[in-house]
C-alpha atoms as a PDB file:
ATOM      1  CA  MET A   1      -3.806   7.605   7.882  1.00  0.00           C
ATOM      2  CA  LYS A   2      -2.067   5.235  10.310  1.00  0.00           C
ATOM      3  CA  LYS A   3      -5.382   4.333  11.934  1.00  0.00           C
ATOM      4  CA  THR A   4      -6.865   3.513   8.544  1.00  0.00           C
ATOM      5  CA  ALA A   5      -3.906   1.322   7.598  1.00  0.00           C
ATOM      6  CA  THR A   6      -4.106  -0.473  10.931  1.00  0.00           C
ATOM      7  CA  LEU A   7      -7.824  -1.055  10.546  1.00  0.00           C
ATOM      8  CA  ILE A   8      -7.336  -2.448   7.046  1.00  0.00           C
ATOM      9  CA  ALA A   9      -4.549  -4.742   8.255  1.00  0.00           C
ATOM     10  CA  LEU A  10      -6.660  -6.053  11.123  1.00  0.00           C
ATOM     11  CA  SER A  11      -9.626  -6.626   8.832  1.00  0.00           C
ATOM     12  CA  LEU A  12      -7.408  -8.504   6.417  1.00  0.00           C
ATOM     13  CA  ALA A  13      -6.127 -10.659   9.257  1.00  0.00           C
ATOM     14  CA  PHE A  14      -9.644 -11.704  10.234  1.00  0.00           C
ATOM     15  CA  VAL A  15     -10.585 -12.479   6.638  1.00  0.00           C
ATOM     16  CA  LEU A  16      -7.455 -14.559   6.116  1.00  0.00           C
ATOM     17  CA  ALA A  17      -7.943 -16.360   9.401  1.00  0.00           C
ATOM     18  CA  GLY A  18     -11.450 -17.346   8.334  1.00  0.00           C
ATOM     19  CA  CYS A  19     -10.168 -18.844   5.090  1.00  0.00           C
ATOM     20  CA  ASN A  20      -7.433 -21.057   6.505  1.00  0.00           C
ATOM     21  CA  THR A  21      -7.187 -24.076   8.734  1.00  0.00           C
ATOM     22  CA  VAL A  22      -6.376 -23.794  12.414  1.00  0.00           C
ATOM     23  CA  LYS A  23      -2.715 -24.426  11.608  1.00  0.00           C
ATOM     24  CA  GLY A  24      -2.661 -21.501   9.178  1.00  0.00           C
ATOM     25  CA  VAL A  25      -4.323 -19.040  11.549  1.00  0.00           C
ATOM     26  CA  GLY A  26      -1.098 -18.442  13.457  1.00  0.00           C
ATOM     27  CA  GLN A  27       0.719 -17.660  10.244  1.00  0.00           C
ATOM     28  CA  ASP A  28      -2.023 -15.257   9.189  1.00  0.00           C
ATOM     29  CA  ILE A  29      -1.904 -13.468  12.521  1.00  0.00           C
ATOM     30  CA  GLU A  30       1.850 -13.160  12.240  1.00  0.00           C
ATOM     31  CA  ARG A  31       1.550 -11.665   8.739  1.00  0.00           C
ATOM     32  CA  ALA A  32      -1.112  -9.243   9.967  1.00  0.00           C
ATOM     33  CA  GLY A  33       1.138  -8.216  12.842  1.00  0.00           C
ATOM     34  CA  ASN A  34       3.944  -7.537  10.410  1.00  0.00           C
ATOM     35  CA  ALA A  35       1.632  -5.477   8.214  1.00  0.00           C
ATOM     36  CA  ILE A  36       0.490  -3.435  11.209  1.00  0.00           C
ATOM     37  CA  GLU A  37       4.083  -2.874  12.275  1.00  0.00           C
ATOM     38  CA  ARG A  38       5.027  -1.678   8.775  1.00  0.00           C
ATOM     39  CA  ALA A  39       2.004   0.631   8.701  1.00  0.00           C
ATOM     40  CA  ALA A  40       2.921   2.104  12.074  1.00  0.00           C
ATOM     41  CA  ASN A  41       6.488   2.773  10.949  1.00  0.00           C
ATOM     42  CA  HIS A  42       5.431   4.736   7.883  1.00  0.00           C
END
């Protein structure tokens, strides 16, 4: 289950990064990292 959640979070990060400007990519990566961290803690 944790692997699935991590994979989903990473996929979401790449999708979000593709939709934003270069400035927004860092924010998207940070959000994805937070989502992965939450998934790993559960």
